[in-house]
């Protein structure tokens, strides 16, 4: 067994890595790091390529009617690929018009639980696509396939004039410079919800899901059920640092593959090996060696160290 140093500052921990069976993990939902990895991968290969035709193979994965979706996208040229929250955003430009200063349309891809965007070299679905749902045929002979086993994802065409209104539905981006510690503490102060629930609320903070909420709370030593408005300034500052650091590290690692997630090049995310709490029920805490526990609330499991993250008593604040 190889021994790896803990990357987080001031945790004072080291541990032995060992392979853990995949059966320990739920399928997981793509979150900010996974969407960012996909967007970066597609941004290397899509911009400038023109969509010649769109075939909707599964009607339930597009917003609106398949014919309207296909008509809105066909003939457009892919611009920069980006991300908003957990969504991959494909910019669409009109090849016959200059785009400088113009509002461009977008296809917003919510990946659901098992959605993937798979580039291909032929006119049909990509060879790596096992459950093709939407096929974008490209003028240069290639393709882009939206593949989704469970079909919980959704592709939405957003006209350029409506983009800002659509984007305002989501909270601030936690990796943006404007997402300061003071801004997070303001968000916390306005809610009595358990802090894990607040972190998962996309209207409050965009892009954070269960994996990275659990990890950030472990590093910040905050119990997931702590009322958000009971978190003090010091704990709020720890949570701000931990959340941004966890998300940055996960992006650097290409995200977290539990079962289904893959980057556009087919590679798995490597952050699963760096998880400190999520999915580690019964294994020793890397800080204090107490067994990691699991609680269920809000319909989802939360993992925590009962010693490092004590449950708040009454209205007691996390210091």
C-alpha atoms as a PDB file:
ATOM      1  CA  UNK A   1       0.000   0.000   0.000  1.00  0.00           C
ATOM      2  CA  UNK A   2       1.210   3.439  -0.856  1.00  0.00           C
ATOM      3  CA  UNK A   3       1.049   6.266   1.626  1.00  0.00           C
ATOM      4  CA  UNK A   4      -0.097   9.692   0.454  1.00  0.00           C
ATOM      5  CA  UNK A   5       0.068  12.992   2.253  1.00  0.00           C
ATOM      6  CA  UNK A   6      -3.166  14.885   2.784  1.00  0.00           C
ATOM      7  CA  UNK A   7      -3.289  17.818   0.344  1.00  0.00           C
ATOM      8  CA  UNK A   8      -5.362  20.101   2.566  1.00  0.00           C
ATOM      9  CA  UNK A   9      -3.479  22.443   4.859  1.00  0.00           C
ATOM     10  CA  UNK A  10      -3.689  22.154   8.600  1.00  0.00           C
ATOM     11  CA  UNK A  11      -5.428  18.778   8.642  1.00  0.00           C
ATOM     12  CA  UNK A  12      -2.243  17.141   9.874  1.00  0.00           C
ATOM     13  CA  UNK A  13      -3.124  13.779   8.441  1.00  0.00           C
ATOM     14  CA  UNK A  14      -1.591  11.030   6.381  1.00  0.00           C
ATOM     15  CA  UNK A  15      -3.190   7.795   5.311  1.00  0.00           C
ATOM     16  CA  UNK A  16      -2.712   4.578   3.394  1.00  0.00           C
ATOM     17  CA  UNK A  17      -4.524   4.332   0.086  1.00  0.00           C
ATOM     18  CA  UNK A  18      -6.244   1.119  -0.785  1.00  0.00           C
ATOM     19  CA  UNK A  19      -8.502   0.116  -3.623  1.00  0.00           C
ATOM     20  CA  UNK A  20     -12.158   0.255  -2.691  1.00  0.00           C
ATOM     21  CA  UNK A  21     -14.793  -1.770  -4.566  1.00  0.00           C
ATOM     22  CA  UNK A  22     -17.036   0.208  -6.889  1.00  0.00           C
ATOM     23  CA  UNK A  23     -20.087  -1.291  -5.166  1.00  0.00           C
ATOM     24  CA  UNK A  24     -19.445   1.140  -2.307  1.00  0.00           C
ATOM     25  CA  UNK A  25     -20.409   4.061  -4.526  1.00  0.00           C
ATOM     26  CA  UNK A  26     -23.709   5.384  -5.800  1.00  0.00           C
ATOM     27  CA  UNK A  27     -23.791   6.479  -9.428  1.00  0.00           C
ATOM     28  CA  UNK A  28     -23.366  10.145  -8.500  1.00  0.00           C
ATOM     29  CA  UNK A  29     -24.552  13.193 -10.408  1.00  0.00           C
ATOM     30  CA  UNK A  30     -22.159  15.336 -12.472  1.00  0.00           C
ATOM     31  CA  UNK A  31     -21.377  18.489 -10.511  1.00  0.00           C
ATOM     32  CA  UNK A  32     -19.327  21.619 -11.215  1.00  0.00           C
ATOM     33  CA  UNK A  33     -15.933  19.877 -11.671  1.00  0.00           C
ATOM     34  CA  UNK A  34     -17.359  17.274 -14.039  1.00  0.00           C
ATOM     35  CA  UNK A  35     -19.259  19.869 -16.102  1.00  0.00           C
ATOM     36  CA  UNK A  36     -16.132  22.059 -16.208  1.00  0.00           C
ATOM     37  CA  UNK A  37     -14.000  19.139 -17.389  1.00  0.00           C
ATOM     38  CA  UNK A  38     -16.490  18.293 -20.133  1.00  0.00           C
ATOM     39  CA  UNK A  39     -16.741  21.935 -21.228  1.00  0.00           C
ATOM     40  CA  UNK A  40     -12.962  22.305 -21.420  1.00  0.00           C
ATOM     41  CA  UNK A  41     -12.622  19.097 -23.410  1.00  0.00           C
ATOM     42  CA  UNK A  42     -15.296  20.088 -25.921  1.00  0.00           C
ATOM     43  CA  UNK A  43     -13.906  23.602 -26.199  1.00  0.00           C
ATOM     44  CA  UNK A  44     -10.757  22.112 -27.709  1.00  0.00           C
ATOM     45  CA  UNK A  45     -12.637  20.418 -30.564  1.00  0.00           C
ATOM     46  CA  UNK A  46     -16.037  22.070 -31.196  1.00  0.00           C
ATOM     47  CA  UNK A  47     -15.629  25.831 -31.863  1.00  0.00           C
ATOM     48  CA  UNK A  48     -15.947  26.703 -35.539  1.00  0.00           C
ATOM     49  CA  UNK A  49     -17.691  23.467 -36.539  1.00  0.00           C
ATOM     50  CA  UNK A  50     -21.130  23.768 -38.137  1.00  0.00           C
ATOM     51  CA  UNK A  51     -24.137  21.605 -37.256  1.00  0.00           C
ATOM     52  CA  UNK A  52     -25.635  20.253 -40.482  1.00  0.00           C
ATOM     53  CA  UNK A  53     -28.523  18.334 -38.897  1.00  0.00           C
ATOM     54  CA  UNK A  54     -29.938  17.310 -35.521  1.00  0.00           C
ATOM     55  CA  UNK A  55     -31.698  14.008 -34.850  1.00  0.00           C
ATOM     56  CA  UNK A  56     -33.584  13.630 -31.582  1.00  0.00           C
ATOM     57  CA  UNK A  57     -33.667   9.907 -30.817  1.00  0.00           C
ATOM     58  CA  UNK A  58     -35.255  10.248 -27.376  1.00  0.00           C
ATOM     59  CA  UNK A  59     -37.887  12.965 -27.167  1.00  0.00           C
ATOM     60  CA  UNK A  60     -37.852  13.188 -23.354  1.00  0.00           C
ATOM     61  CA  UNK A  61     -34.320  14.622 -23.214  1.00  0.00           C
ATOM     62  CA  UNK A  62     -35.056  17.875 -25.071  1.00  0.00           C
ATOM     63  CA  UNK A  63     -37.041  20.830 -23.813  1.00  0.00           C
ATOM     64  CA  UNK A  64     -39.950  21.657 -26.104  1.00  0.00           C
ATOM     65  CA  UNK A  65     -40.740  19.677 -29.225  1.00  0.00           C
ATOM     66  CA  UNK A  66     -37.950  17.745 -30.974  1.00  0.00           C
ATOM     67  CA  UNK A  67     -38.717  19.451 -34.297  1.00  0.00           C
ATOM     68  CA  UNK A  68     -38.355  22.947 -32.823  1.00  0.00           C
ATOM     69  CA  UNK A  69     -35.159  22.001 -31.022  1.00  0.00           C
ATOM     70  CA  UNK A  70     -33.641  20.537 -34.185  1.00  0.00           C
ATOM     71  CA  UNK A  71     -34.661  23.525 -36.303  1.00  0.00           C
ATOM     72  CA  UNK A  72     -33.185  25.994 -33.798  1.00  0.00           C
ATOM     73  CA  UNK A  73     -29.789  24.269 -33.767  1.00  0.00           C
ATOM     74  CA  UNK A  74     -29.307  22.992 -37.326  1.00  0.00           C
ATOM     75  CA  UNK A  75     -27.194  25.305 -39.462  1.00  0.00           C
ATOM     76  CA  UNK A  76     -25.558  26.986 -36.474  1.00  0.00           C
ATOM     77  CA  UNK A  77     -21.826  27.058 -35.786  1.00  0.00           C
ATOM     78  CA  UNK A  78     -20.474  26.026 -32.412  1.00  0.00           C
ATOM     79  CA  UNK A  79     -18.795  28.842 -30.515  1.00  0.00           C
ATOM     80  CA  UNK A  80     -17.039  28.601 -27.170  1.00  0.00           C
ATOM     81  CA  UNK A  81     -18.177  25.828 -24.856  1.00  0.00           C
ATOM     82  CA  UNK A  82     -18.672  26.906 -21.261  1.00  0.00           C
ATOM     83  CA  UNK A  83     -20.388  25.994 -18.034  1.00  0.00           C
ATOM     84  CA  UNK A  84     -23.034  27.444 -15.734  1.00  0.00           C
ATOM     85  CA  UNK A  85     -23.479  25.600 -12.460  1.00  0.00           C
ATOM     86  CA  UNK A  86     -23.711  21.886 -13.247  1.00  0.00           C
ATOM     87  CA  UNK A  87     -24.664  22.585 -16.870  1.00  0.00           C
ATOM     88  CA  UNK A  88     -22.493  22.399 -19.979  1.00  0.00           C
ATOM     89  CA  UNK A  89     -23.283  25.360 -22.244  1.00  0.00           C
ATOM     90  CA  UNK A  90     -22.761  25.104 -26.015  1.00  0.00           C
ATOM     91  CA  UNK A  91     -22.715  28.509 -27.727  1.00  0.00           C
ATOM     92  CA  UNK A  92     -24.348  28.649 -31.172  1.00  0.00           C
ATOM     93  CA  UNK A  93     -23.387  31.251 -33.771  1.00  0.00           C
ATOM     94  CA  UNK A  94     -24.921  32.142 -37.118  1.00  0.00           C
ATOM     95  CA  UNK A  95     -22.209  31.326 -39.715  1.00  0.00           C
ATOM     96  CA  UNK A  96     -23.550  33.973 -42.093  1.00  0.00           C
ATOM     97  CA  UNK A  97     -23.369  36.878 -39.632  1.00  0.00           C
ATOM     98  CA  UNK A  98     -20.695  38.507 -37.517  1.00  0.00           C
ATOM     99  CA  UNK A  99     -21.158  37.563 -33.861  1.00  0.00           C
ATOM    100  CA  UNK A 100     -19.270  40.446 -32.251  1.00  0.00           C
ATOM    101  CA  UNK A 101     -21.717  42.336 -30.073  1.00  0.00           C
ATOM    102  CA  UNK A 102     -24.564  39.951 -30.855  1.00  0.00           C
ATOM    103  CA  UNK A 103     -26.358  37.784 -28.303  1.00  0.00           C
ATOM    104  CA  UNK A 104     -25.695  34.167 -29.291  1.00  0.00           C
ATOM    105  CA  UNK A 105     -28.053  31.265 -28.771  1.00  0.00           C
ATOM    106  CA  UNK A 106     -27.034  28.411 -26.515  1.00  0.00           C
ATOM    107  CA  UNK A 107     -27.793  24.764 -25.899  1.00  0.00           C
ATOM    108  CA  UNK A 108     -27.776  24.157 -22.155  1.00  0.00           C
ATOM    109  CA  UNK A 109     -26.983  20.533 -21.341  1.00  0.00           C
ATOM    110  CA  UNK A 110     -28.075  19.298 -17.929  1.00  0.00           C
ATOM    111  CA  UNK A 111     -26.399  15.904 -17.701  1.00  0.00           C
ATOM    112  CA  UNK A 112     -28.801  14.432 -15.159  1.00  0.00           C
ATOM    113  CA  UNK A 113     -27.249  11.321 -13.618  1.00  0.00           C
ATOM    114  CA  UNK A 114     -25.758   9.514 -16.608  1.00  0.00           C
ATOM    115  CA  UNK A 115     -25.592  12.024 -19.464  1.00  0.00           C
ATOM    116  CA  UNK A 116     -22.473  12.237 -21.644  1.00  0.00           C
ATOM    117  CA  UNK A 117     -21.406  14.309 -24.645  1.00  0.00           C
ATOM    118  CA  UNK A 118     -19.442  12.027 -26.956  1.00  0.00           C
ATOM    119  CA  UNK A 119     -17.542  13.307 -30.028  1.00  0.00           C
ATOM    120  CA  UNK A 120     -17.474  11.018 -33.055  1.00  0.00           C
ATOM    121  CA  UNK A 121     -15.632  10.807 -36.360  1.00  0.00           C
ATOM    122  CA  UNK A 122     -18.559   9.596 -38.480  1.00  0.00           C
ATOM    123  CA  UNK A 123     -22.039  10.802 -39.366  1.00  0.00           C
ATOM    124  CA  UNK A 124     -23.760   8.342 -37.025  1.00  0.00           C
ATOM    125  CA  UNK A 125     -23.698   8.144 -33.223  1.00  0.00           C
ATOM    126  CA  UNK A 126     -20.196   7.992 -31.766  1.00  0.00           C
ATOM    127  CA  UNK A 127     -18.841   4.470 -31.381  1.00  0.00           C
ATOM    128  CA  UNK A 128     -18.458   5.041 -27.626  1.00  0.00           C
ATOM    129  CA  UNK A 129     -22.151   5.936 -27.326  1.00  0.00           C
ATOM    130  CA  UNK A 130     -24.217   3.085 -25.892  1.00  0.00           C
ATOM    131  CA  UNK A 131     -27.519   4.926 -25.365  1.00  0.00           C
ATOM    132  CA  UNK A 132     -27.662   7.754 -27.944  1.00  0.00           C
ATOM    133  CA  UNK A 133     -30.415  10.292 -27.286  1.00  0.00           C
ATOM    134  CA  UNK A 134     -29.546  13.286 -29.499  1.00  0.00           C
ATOM    135  CA  UNK A 135     -27.236  13.296 -32.519  1.00  0.00           C
ATOM    136  CA  UNK A 136     -25.626  16.484 -33.827  1.00  0.00           C
ATOM    137  CA  UNK A 137     -24.251  15.824 -37.321  1.00  0.00           C
ATOM    138  CA  UNK A 138     -21.436  18.187 -38.275  1.00  0.00           C
ATOM    139  CA  UNK A 139     -20.729  19.600 -41.724  1.00  0.00           C
ATOM    140  CA  UNK A 140     -17.145  18.316 -41.645  1.00  0.00           C
ATOM    141  CA  UNK A 141     -18.356  14.710 -41.367  1.00  0.00           C
ATOM    142  CA  UNK A 142     -18.013  14.354 -37.604  1.00  0.00           C
ATOM    143  CA  UNK A 143     -20.679  14.222 -34.923  1.00  0.00           C
ATOM    144  CA  UNK A 144     -21.497  14.965 -31.315  1.00  0.00           C
ATOM    145  CA  UNK A 145     -23.775  12.525 -29.490  1.00  0.00           C
ATOM    146  CA  UNK A 146     -25.671  13.194 -26.300  1.00  0.00           C
ATOM    147  CA  UNK A 147     -25.762   9.771 -24.643  1.00  0.00           C
ATOM    148  CA  UNK A 148     -27.876   9.056 -21.560  1.00  0.00           C
ATOM    149  CA  UNK A 149     -28.541   5.644 -20.011  1.00  0.00           C
ATOM    150  CA  UNK A 150     -31.240   6.735 -17.560  1.00  0.00           C
ATOM    151  CA  UNK A 151     -32.452   9.764 -19.543  1.00  0.00           C
ATOM    152  CA  UNK A 152     -32.717  12.134 -16.575  1.00  0.00           C
ATOM    153  CA  UNK A 153     -30.757  14.789 -18.473  1.00  0.00           C
ATOM    154  CA  UNK A 154     -32.232  17.655 -20.477  1.00  0.00           C
ATOM    155  CA  UNK A 155     -31.067  19.718 -23.464  1.00  0.00           C
ATOM    156  CA  UNK A 156     -32.579  23.197 -23.690  1.00  0.00           C
ATOM    157  CA  UNK A 157     -32.224  25.694 -26.524  1.00  0.00           C
ATOM    158  CA  UNK A 158     -31.938  29.191 -25.028  1.00  0.00           C
ATOM    159  CA  UNK A 159     -32.218  32.125 -27.476  1.00  0.00           C
ATOM    160  CA  UNK A 160     -29.566  34.784 -27.015  1.00  0.00           C
ATOM    161  CA  UNK A 161     -32.055  37.385 -25.801  1.00  0.00           C
ATOM    162  CA  UNK A 162     -33.180  35.056 -22.998  1.00  0.00           C
ATOM    163  CA  UNK A 163     -29.778  33.921 -21.760  1.00  0.00           C
ATOM    164  CA  UNK A 164     -29.343  36.420 -18.937  1.00  0.00           C
ATOM    165  CA  UNK A 165     -32.789  35.694 -17.576  1.00  0.00           C
ATOM    166  CA  UNK A 166     -32.089  31.959 -17.703  1.00  0.00           C
ATOM    167  CA  UNK A 167     -28.712  32.377 -16.003  1.00  0.00           C
ATOM    168  CA  UNK A 168     -30.188  34.457 -13.184  1.00  0.00           C
ATOM    169  CA  UNK A 169     -32.146  31.423 -12.024  1.00  0.00           C
ATOM    170  CA  UNK A 170     -28.910  30.069 -10.609  1.00  0.00           C
ATOM    171  CA  UNK A 171     -26.881  31.331  -7.683  1.00  0.00           C
ATOM    172  CA  UNK A 172     -23.308  32.656  -7.840  1.00  0.00           C
ATOM    173  CA  UNK A 173     -20.433  30.562  -9.142  1.00  0.00           C
ATOM    174  CA  UNK A 174     -18.360  29.373  -6.154  1.00  0.00           C
ATOM    175  CA  UNK A 175     -15.065  29.609  -8.063  1.00  0.00           C
ATOM    176  CA  UNK A 176     -15.683  33.149  -9.305  1.00  0.00           C
ATOM    177  CA  UNK A 177     -13.567  35.952  -7.833  1.00  0.00           C
ATOM    178  CA  UNK A 178     -16.760  37.667  -6.718  1.00  0.00           C
ATOM    179  CA  UNK A 179     -17.650  34.687  -4.514  1.00  0.00           C
ATOM    180  CA  UNK A 180     -15.911  35.999  -1.415  1.00  0.00           C
ATOM    181  CA  UNK A 181     -16.072  34.770   2.144  1.00  0.00           C
ATOM    182  CA  UNK A 182     -18.327  37.697   2.987  1.00  0.00           C
ATOM    183  CA  UNK A 183     -20.709  36.738   0.203  1.00  0.00           C
ATOM    184  CA  UNK A 184     -20.942  33.155   1.438  1.00  0.00           C
ATOM    185  CA  UNK A 185     -21.532  34.287   5.017  1.00  0.00           C
ATOM    186  CA  UNK A 186     -24.346  36.510   3.761  1.00  0.00           C
ATOM    187  CA  UNK A 187     -25.952  33.537   2.015  1.00  0.00           C
ATOM    188  CA  UNK A 188     -25.612  31.424   5.160  1.00  0.00           C
ATOM    189  CA  UNK A 189     -27.053  34.129   7.403  1.00  0.00           C
ATOM    190  CA  UNK A 190     -30.277  34.296   5.401  1.00  0.00           C
ATOM    191  CA  UNK A 191     -31.199  30.625   5.776  1.00  0.00           C
ATOM    192  CA  UNK A 192     -32.174  28.317   8.621  1.00  0.00           C
ATOM    193  CA  UNK A 193     -31.821  25.236   6.398  1.00  0.00           C
ATOM    194  CA  UNK A 194     -29.200  22.605   7.221  1.00  0.00           C
ATOM    195  CA  UNK A 195     -25.957  23.782   5.663  1.00  0.00           C
ATOM    196  CA  UNK A 196     -25.658  20.698   3.433  1.00  0.00           C
ATOM    197  CA  UNK A 197     -29.144  21.426   2.041  1.00  0.00           C
ATOM    198  CA  UNK A 198     -28.204  25.049   1.405  1.00  0.00           C
ATOM    199  CA  UNK A 199     -25.049  24.057  -0.459  1.00  0.00           C
ATOM    200  CA  UNK A 200     -27.118  21.802  -2.723  1.00  0.00           C
ATOM    201  CA  UNK A 201     -29.652  24.532  -3.523  1.00  0.00           C
ATOM    202  CA  UNK A 202     -28.685  25.710  -7.008  1.00  0.00           C
ATOM    203  CA  UNK A 203     -30.567  28.978  -6.484  1.00  0.00           C
ATOM    204  CA  UNK A 204     -28.178  29.850  -3.625  1.00  0.00           C
ATOM    205  CA  UNK A 205     -24.869  28.536  -4.983  1.00  0.00           C
ATOM    206  CA  UNK A 206     -24.497  27.085  -8.488  1.00  0.00           C
ATOM    207  CA  UNK A 207     -22.724  23.830  -9.228  1.00  0.00           C
ATOM    208  CA  UNK A 208     -22.268  22.191  -5.819  1.00  0.00           C
ATOM    209  CA  UNK A 209     -23.699  18.700  -5.401  1.00  0.00           C
ATOM    210  CA  UNK A 210     -23.580  16.108  -2.664  1.00  0.00           C
ATOM    211  CA  UNK A 211     -20.031  14.867  -3.224  1.00  0.00           C
ATOM    212  CA  UNK A 212     -18.329  18.234  -2.922  1.00  0.00           C
ATOM    213  CA  UNK A 213     -20.680  19.551  -0.226  1.00  0.00           C
ATOM    214  CA  UNK A 214     -19.795  16.548   1.942  1.00  0.00           C
ATOM    215  CA  UNK A 215     -16.084  16.989   1.277  1.00  0.00           C
ATOM    216  CA  UNK A 216     -16.089  20.739   1.981  1.00  0.00           C
ATOM    217  CA  UNK A 217     -17.980  20.255   5.252  1.00  0.00           C
ATOM    218  CA  UNK A 218     -15.501  17.587   6.363  1.00  0.00           C
ATOM    219  CA  UNK A 219     -12.560  19.918   5.783  1.00  0.00           C
ATOM    220  CA  UNK A 220     -14.383  22.789   7.493  1.00  0.00           C
ATOM    221  CA  UNK A 221     -15.298  20.506  10.459  1.00  0.00           C
ATOM    222  CA  UNK A 222     -18.976  21.432  10.199  1.00  0.00           C
ATOM    223  CA  UNK A 223     -21.798  18.946  10.743  1.00  0.00           C
ATOM    224  CA  UNK A 224     -24.032  18.705   7.635  1.00  0.00           C
ATOM    225  CA  UNK A 225     -27.177  19.336   9.714  1.00  0.00           C
ATOM    226  CA  UNK A 226     -25.896  22.582  11.242  1.00  0.00           C
ATOM    227  CA  UNK A 227     -28.400  25.391  10.555  1.00  0.00           C
ATOM    228  CA  UNK A 228     -26.801  27.674   7.993  1.00  0.00           C
ATOM    229  CA  UNK A 229     -27.510  30.818  10.008  1.00  0.00           C
ATOM    230  CA  UNK A 230     -25.884  29.249  13.079  1.00  0.00           C
ATOM    231  CA  UNK A 231     -22.476  29.067  11.399  1.00  0.00           C
ATOM    232  CA  UNK A 232     -20.172  31.663  12.902  1.00  0.00           C
ATOM    233  CA  UNK A 233     -17.667  33.852  11.101  1.00  0.00           C
ATOM    234  CA  UNK A 234     -14.680  31.566  11.671  1.00  0.00           C
ATOM    235  CA  UNK A 235     -16.557  28.448  10.562  1.00  0.00           C
ATOM    236  CA  UNK A 236     -17.961  30.344   7.583  1.00  0.00           C
ATOM    237  CA  UNK A 237     -14.449  31.373   6.560  1.00  0.00           C
ATOM    238  CA  UNK A 238     -13.288  27.747   6.857  1.00  0.00           C
ATOM    239  CA  UNK A 239     -16.193  26.589   4.720  1.00  0.00           C
ATOM    240  CA  UNK A 240     -15.449  29.205   2.062  1.00  0.00           C
ATOM    241  CA  UNK A 241     -11.794  28.139   1.849  1.00  0.00           C
ATOM    242  CA  UNK A 242     -12.646  24.443   1.904  1.00  0.00           C
ATOM    243  CA  UNK A 243     -15.361  24.631  -0.732  1.00  0.00           C
ATOM    244  CA  UNK A 244     -13.221  26.542  -3.215  1.00  0.00           C
ATOM    245  CA  UNK A 245     -10.173  24.366  -2.576  1.00  0.00           C
ATOM    246  CA  UNK A 246     -12.115  21.112  -2.986  1.00  0.00           C
ATOM    247  CA  UNK A 247     -13.719  22.302  -6.218  1.00  0.00           C
ATOM    248  CA  UNK A 248     -10.397  23.524  -7.649  1.00  0.00           C
ATOM    249  CA  UNK A 249      -8.668  20.248  -6.815  1.00  0.00           C
ATOM    250  CA  UNK A 250     -11.518  18.259  -8.334  1.00  0.00           C
ATOM    251  CA  UNK A 251     -11.328  20.293 -11.551  1.00  0.00           C
ATOM    252  CA  UNK A 252      -7.570  19.680 -11.688  1.00  0.00           C
ATOM    253  CA  UNK A 253      -8.258  15.938 -11.304  1.00  0.00           C
ATOM    254  CA  UNK A 254     -10.854  15.930 -14.072  1.00  0.00           C
ATOM    255  CA  UNK A 255     -13.773  15.367 -11.705  1.00  0.00           C
ATOM    256  CA  UNK A 256     -14.934  12.293  -9.814  1.00  0.00           C
ATOM    257  CA  UNK A 257     -15.904   9.068 -11.553  1.00  0.00           C
ATOM    258  CA  UNK A 258     -17.997   6.807  -9.363  1.00  0.00           C
ATOM    259  CA  UNK A 259     -19.664   4.782 -12.123  1.00  0.00           C
ATOM    260  CA  UNK A 260     -20.843   6.583 -15.263  1.00  0.00           C
ATOM    261  CA  UNK A 261     -19.038   9.896 -15.648  1.00  0.00           C
ATOM    262  CA  UNK A 262     -16.411  10.208 -18.383  1.00  0.00           C
ATOM    263  CA  UNK A 263     -14.640  13.200 -19.929  1.00  0.00           C
ATOM    264  CA  UNK A 264     -15.101  13.745 -23.695  1.00  0.00           C
ATOM    265  CA  UNK A 265     -11.866  11.836 -24.352  1.00  0.00           C
ATOM    266  CA  UNK A 266     -13.249   8.829 -22.453  1.00  0.00           C
ATOM    267  CA  UNK A 267     -11.017   9.234 -19.406  1.00  0.00           C
ATOM    268  CA  UNK A 268     -12.343   8.822 -15.880  1.00  0.00           C
ATOM    269  CA  UNK A 269     -12.108  11.558 -13.279  1.00  0.00           C
ATOM    270  CA  UNK A 270      -9.327  10.947 -10.751  1.00  0.00           C
ATOM    271  CA  UNK A 271     -10.709  12.782  -7.707  1.00  0.00           C
ATOM    272  CA  UNK A 272     -12.365   9.642  -6.296  1.00  0.00           C
ATOM    273  CA  UNK A 273      -8.962   8.675  -4.903  1.00  0.00           C
ATOM    274  CA  UNK A 274      -8.810  11.949  -2.958  1.00  0.00           C
ATOM    275  CA  UNK A 275     -12.224  11.724  -1.268  1.00  0.00           C
ATOM    276  CA  UNK A 276     -11.960  12.140   2.498  1.00  0.00           C
ATOM    277  CA  UNK A 277     -15.557  11.547   3.607  1.00  0.00           C
ATOM    278  CA  UNK A 278     -17.930  10.805   0.736  1.00  0.00           C
ATOM    279  CA  UNK A 279     -18.580   7.072   0.357  1.00  0.00           C
ATOM    280  CA  UNK A 280     -16.234   6.139   3.242  1.00  0.00           C
ATOM    281  CA  UNK A 281     -18.773   4.904   5.807  1.00  0.00           C
ATOM    282  CA  UNK A 282     -17.064   2.760   8.450  1.00  0.00           C
ATOM    283  CA  UNK A 283     -13.541   3.641   7.318  1.00  0.00           C
ATOM    284  CA  UNK A 284     -11.257   5.647   9.624  1.00  0.00           C
ATOM    285  CA  UNK A 285     -11.290   9.431   9.478  1.00  0.00           C
ATOM    286  CA  UNK A 286      -8.031  10.701   8.015  1.00  0.00           C
ATOM    287  CA  UNK A 287      -7.765  13.268  10.846  1.00  0.00           C
ATOM    288  CA  UNK A 288      -8.742  11.432  14.024  1.00  0.00           C
ATOM    289  CA  UNK A 289      -9.214   7.772  12.953  1.00  0.00           C
ATOM    290  CA  UNK A 290     -12.818   7.620  14.211  1.00  0.00           C
ATOM    291  CA  UNK A 291     -15.103   5.689  11.829  1.00  0.00           C
ATOM    292  CA  UNK A 292     -16.793   7.831   9.194  1.00  0.00           C
ATOM    293  CA  UNK A 293     -20.561   7.831   9.691  1.00  0.00           C
ATOM    294  CA  UNK A 294     -23.483   8.233   7.340  1.00  0.00           C
ATOM    295  CA  UNK A 295     -26.782  10.014   7.926  1.00  0.00           C
ATOM    296  CA  UNK A 296     -29.713  10.460   5.580  1.00  0.00           C
ATOM    297  CA  UNK A 297     -31.757  13.633   5.329  1.00  0.00           C
ATOM    298  CA  UNK A 298     -33.305  15.490   2.456  1.00  0.00           C
ATOM    299  CA  UNK A 299     -33.421  12.155   0.649  1.00  0.00           C
ATOM    300  CA  UNK A 300     -29.617  11.919   0.373  1.00  0.00           C
ATOM    301  CA  UNK A 301     -26.761  10.414   2.313  1.00  0.00           C
ATOM    302  CA  UNK A 302     -24.286  12.678   4.054  1.00  0.00           C
ATOM    303  CA  UNK A 303     -20.940  11.345   5.262  1.00  0.00           C
ATOM    304  CA  UNK A 304     -19.123  12.843   8.219  1.00  0.00           C
ATOM    305  CA  UNK A 305     -16.755  12.233  11.086  1.00  0.00           C
ATOM    306  CA  UNK A 306     -18.855  12.248  14.294  1.00  0.00           C
ATOM    307  CA  UNK A 307     -15.797  13.327  16.278  1.00  0.00           C
ATOM    308  CA  UNK A 308     -14.460  16.097  14.026  1.00  0.00           C
ATOM    309  CA  UNK A 309     -17.928  17.275  12.974  1.00  0.00           C
ATOM    310  CA  UNK A 310     -20.082  17.100  16.121  1.00  0.00           C
ATOM    311  CA  UNK A 311     -23.803  17.617  15.687  1.00  0.00           C
ATOM    312  CA  UNK A 312     -24.910  21.044  16.951  1.00  0.00           C
ATOM    313  CA  UNK A 313     -26.913  21.122  20.178  1.00  0.00           C
ATOM    314  CA  UNK A 314     -30.048  23.231  20.113  1.00  0.00           C
ATOM    315  CA  UNK A 315     -29.274  26.536  18.387  1.00  0.00           C
ATOM    316  CA  UNK A 316     -25.577  26.340  19.112  1.00  0.00           C
ATOM    317  CA  UNK A 317     -23.421  27.821  16.402  1.00  0.00           C
ATOM    318  CA  UNK A 318     -20.502  26.172  14.679  1.00  0.00           C
ATOM    319  CA  UNK A 319     -17.526  28.183  15.963  1.00  0.00           C
END
